[in-house]
Protein backbone atom coordinates (compact mmCIF):
# COMPACT_ATOMS: atom_id res chain seq x y z
CA MET A 1 -55.70 99.56 -37.71
CA PHE A 2 -55.64 103.40 -38.06
CA LEU A 3 -59.41 103.58 -37.04
CA LEU A 4 -58.97 101.29 -34.06
CA GLN A 5 -56.06 103.28 -32.76
CA LYS A 6 -58.09 106.36 -33.28
CA SER A 7 -60.84 104.82 -31.46
CA LEU A 8 -58.66 103.62 -28.73
CA TYR A 9 -57.10 107.18 -28.18
CA ASN A 10 -60.69 108.77 -28.28
CA VAL A 11 -61.76 106.28 -25.52
CA TRP A 12 -58.61 106.79 -23.49
CA THR A 13 -59.23 110.85 -23.71
CA THR A 14 -62.76 110.43 -22.95
CA THR A 15 -61.63 108.00 -19.84
CA SER A 16 -59.14 110.43 -18.86
CA LYS A 17 -61.34 113.43 -18.92
CA LEU A 18 -64.07 111.36 -16.92
CA ARG A 19 -61.34 110.35 -14.31
CA GLU A 20 -60.29 114.13 -13.81
CA SER A 21 -63.86 115.01 -13.49
CA VAL A 22 -64.50 112.33 -10.71
CA ARG A 23 -61.20 113.33 -9.12
CA ALA A 24 -62.29 117.09 -9.08
CA LYS A 25 -65.54 116.32 -7.74
CA ARG A 26 -64.13 114.11 -5.07
CA ASN A 27 -61.82 116.68 -3.96
CA GLU A 28 -64.72 119.24 -3.88
CA LEU A 29 -66.74 116.98 -1.86
CA GLN A 30 -63.88 116.42 0.54
CA PHE A 31 -63.37 120.21 0.84
CA LEU A 32 -67.20 120.79 1.62
CA ARG A 33 -67.04 117.83 4.27
CA GLN A 34 -64.16 119.52 5.95
CA ASN A 35 -65.90 122.73 5.99
CA LEU A 36 -69.04 121.16 7.33
CA LYS A 37 -67.02 119.50 10.12
CA LEU A 38 -65.18 122.87 10.89
CA VAL A 39 -68.49 124.62 11.05
CA SER A 40 -69.97 122.16 13.46
CA ILE A 41 -67.07 122.05 15.68
CA LEU A 42 -67.00 125.88 15.70
CA LYS A 43 -70.78 126.15 16.20
CA GLY A 44 -70.42 123.79 19.31
CA GLN A 45 -67.69 126.25 20.56
CA MET A 46 -69.67 129.37 20.25
CA ILE A 47 -71.66 128.74 23.24
CA PHE A 48 -68.61 128.56 25.35
CA LEU A 49 -67.03 131.81 23.74
CA ASP A 50 -70.42 133.60 24.67
CA GLU A 51 -70.13 132.20 28.10
CA TRP A 52 -66.69 133.37 28.25
CA ALA A 53 -67.88 136.83 27.54
CA VAL A 54 -70.28 136.67 30.27
CA LEU A 55 -67.75 135.52 32.63
CA GLY A 56 -65.38 138.49 31.61
CA HIS A 57 -68.21 140.96 32.15
CA ASP A 58 -69.10 139.27 35.65
CA TYR A 59 -65.58 139.22 36.70
CA CYS A 60 -65.14 143.00 36.02
CA SER A 61 -68.23 143.96 37.77
CA TYR A 62 -67.20 141.63 40.70
CA LEU A 63 -63.77 143.22 40.97
CA SER A 64 -64.98 146.91 40.66
CA GLY A 65 -67.36 146.16 43.59
CA ALA A 66 -64.84 144.80 45.58
CA ILE A 67 -62.46 147.68 44.85
CA GLU A 68 -65.18 150.14 45.93
CA ALA A 69 -66.12 148.17 49.08
CA LEU A 70 -62.48 147.96 50.13
CA THR A 71 -61.95 151.62 49.24
CA ALA A 72 -64.94 152.55 51.12
CA SER A 73 -63.98 150.43 54.30
CA THR A 74 -60.52 151.72 54.30
CA LEU A 75 -61.31 155.47 53.96
CA ARG A 76 -63.34 155.11 57.11
CA LEU A 77 -60.15 154.12 59.21
CA PRO A 78 -58.42 157.00 60.87
CA VAL A 79 -54.95 157.09 59.56
CA VAL A 80 -53.61 160.52 61.04
CA CYS A 81 -51.23 160.82 63.98
CA GLY A 82 -52.88 160.44 67.22
CA ALA A 83 -56.19 159.76 65.78
CA ARG A 84 -58.17 157.48 67.83
CA ALA A 85 -60.66 154.95 66.34
CA ASP A 86 -64.02 154.11 67.77
CA VAL A 87 -63.58 150.38 68.29
CA PRO A 88 -66.95 149.30 67.19
CA ASN A 89 -66.89 151.29 64.03
CA LEU A 90 -63.19 149.72 63.25
CA LYS A 91 -64.45 146.37 64.27
CA ASP A 92 -67.35 146.83 61.75
CA ALA A 93 -65.07 148.20 59.12
CA ILE A 94 -62.73 145.26 59.26
CA PHE A 95 -65.65 142.67 59.26
CA SER A 96 -67.10 144.37 56.41
CA ALA A 97 -63.75 144.29 54.51
CA VAL A 98 -63.43 140.45 55.46
CA ASP A 99 -67.17 139.89 54.15
CA VAL A 100 -66.20 141.43 50.86
CA MET A 101 -63.02 139.39 50.70
CA GLN A 102 -65.08 136.25 51.27
CA ALA A 103 -67.50 137.12 48.61
CA ILE A 104 -64.63 137.78 46.11
CA SER A 105 -63.10 134.56 47.16
CA SER A 106 -66.21 132.65 46.56
CA SER A 107 -66.87 134.35 43.34
CA ILE A 108 -63.33 133.51 42.02
CA CYS A 109 -63.83 129.88 42.97
CA SER A 110 -67.01 129.49 41.11
CA LEU A 111 -65.65 131.33 38.08
CA LEU A 112 -62.31 129.37 38.37
CA SER A 113 -64.03 126.17 37.42
CA LYS A 114 -65.79 127.45 34.55
CA VAL A 115 -62.53 129.19 33.39
CA ALA A 116 -60.73 125.83 33.52
CA LYS A 117 -63.41 124.26 31.60
CA VAL A 118 -63.51 126.78 28.85
CA ASN A 119 -59.62 126.87 28.79
CA THR A 120 -59.55 122.82 28.33
CA LEU A 121 -62.09 123.33 25.39
CA VAL A 122 -60.16 126.26 23.83
CA ALA A 123 -57.03 124.17 23.93
CA GLU A 124 -58.79 121.23 22.27
CA VAL A 125 -60.17 123.53 19.52
CA ARG A 126 -56.74 124.79 19.19
CA ASN A 127 -55.13 121.46 18.76
CA LEU A 128 -57.80 120.36 16.36
CA SER A 129 -57.25 123.20 14.10
CA THR A 130 -53.60 122.79 14.53
CA ASN A 131 -53.85 119.26 13.35
CA GLU A 132 -56.36 119.96 10.54
CA LEU A 133 -54.08 122.63 9.19
CA ALA A 134 -50.98 120.17 9.29
CA LEU A 135 -53.22 117.69 7.26
CA LEU A 136 -54.38 120.28 4.86
CA TYR A 137 -50.72 121.19 4.15
CA ARG A 138 -49.80 117.53 3.76
CA CYS A 139 -52.55 116.94 1.35
CA LYS A 140 -51.31 120.04 -0.60
CA GLU A 141 -48.01 118.51 -0.76
CA VAL A 142 -49.27 115.10 -1.75
CA LEU A 143 -51.77 116.10 -4.29
CA PRO A 144 -49.33 116.80 -7.25
CA ALA A 145 -47.69 113.30 -6.79
CA ILE A 146 -51.24 111.71 -6.63
CA ALA A 147 -52.15 113.49 -10.03
CA ALA A 148 -48.89 112.41 -11.80
CA MET A 149 -49.47 108.79 -10.43
CA GLN A 150 -52.98 108.81 -12.12
CA VAL A 151 -51.46 110.01 -15.30
CA LYS A 152 -49.02 107.27 -15.05
CA GLU A 153 -51.48 104.72 -14.28
CA CYS A 154 -53.86 105.94 -17.46
CA ASN A 155 -50.93 105.66 -19.54
CA LEU A 156 -50.03 102.09 -18.51
CA ARG A 157 -53.63 101.10 -18.79
CA THR A 158 -53.62 102.42 -22.38
CA LEU A 159 -50.42 100.72 -23.02
CA ILE A 160 -51.81 97.27 -21.78
CA LEU A 161 -54.80 97.68 -24.01
CA GLN A 162 -52.58 98.36 -26.98
CA LEU A 163 -50.50 95.38 -26.18
CA HIS A 164 -53.38 93.12 -25.67
CA HIS A 165 -54.89 94.43 -29.10
CA LEU A 166 -51.54 93.98 -30.91
CA SER A 167 -51.26 90.46 -29.29
CA SER A 168 -54.69 89.37 -30.49
CA THR A 169 -54.24 91.03 -33.93
CA PHE A 170 -50.91 89.18 -34.26
CA ASP A 171 -52.48 85.93 -33.02
CA ASN A 172 -55.39 86.42 -35.63
CA LYS A 173 -52.81 86.86 -38.43
CA ILE A 174 -50.81 83.83 -37.29
CA VAL A 175 -54.02 81.76 -37.24
CA LYS A 176 -54.97 82.92 -40.72
CA LEU A 177 -51.51 82.09 -42.33
CA ILE A 178 -51.68 78.54 -40.79
């Protein structure tokens, strides 16, 4: 009887160690899968982030060019009292300023659609990362309860095995007595 109990205990201990090992490997695998998923998402977004840098550089260069053109056009206008402007030169300066403003407008319109697309993608990435972070915190909260339940399950299975063994031993003794 003592050897059987010792054997059952050893089996239970080994089984518990194996279950713990399997649980640890599953957690590690899940962690690696989540890291792989995150890397794949971020890798796909890096293209858009690189484009964002190019758009920012283009925007700055367009803006500085517009400022220079408008400054040059404005400085050619006579602004002192009683000054007379040459009408054709004034007309050319105003048309030049309008052309610059139209170029700025078309540049901004073309960049605006790109910025809107990138903004949407960045918002999606933000939402995904927020959701994943919430899920990770939830897993962190639930993990101790799962571990406790697993220990209870192992204990209950061991108890059932012991009860079955005692029942079969008891039945065998009754049969021998009869």
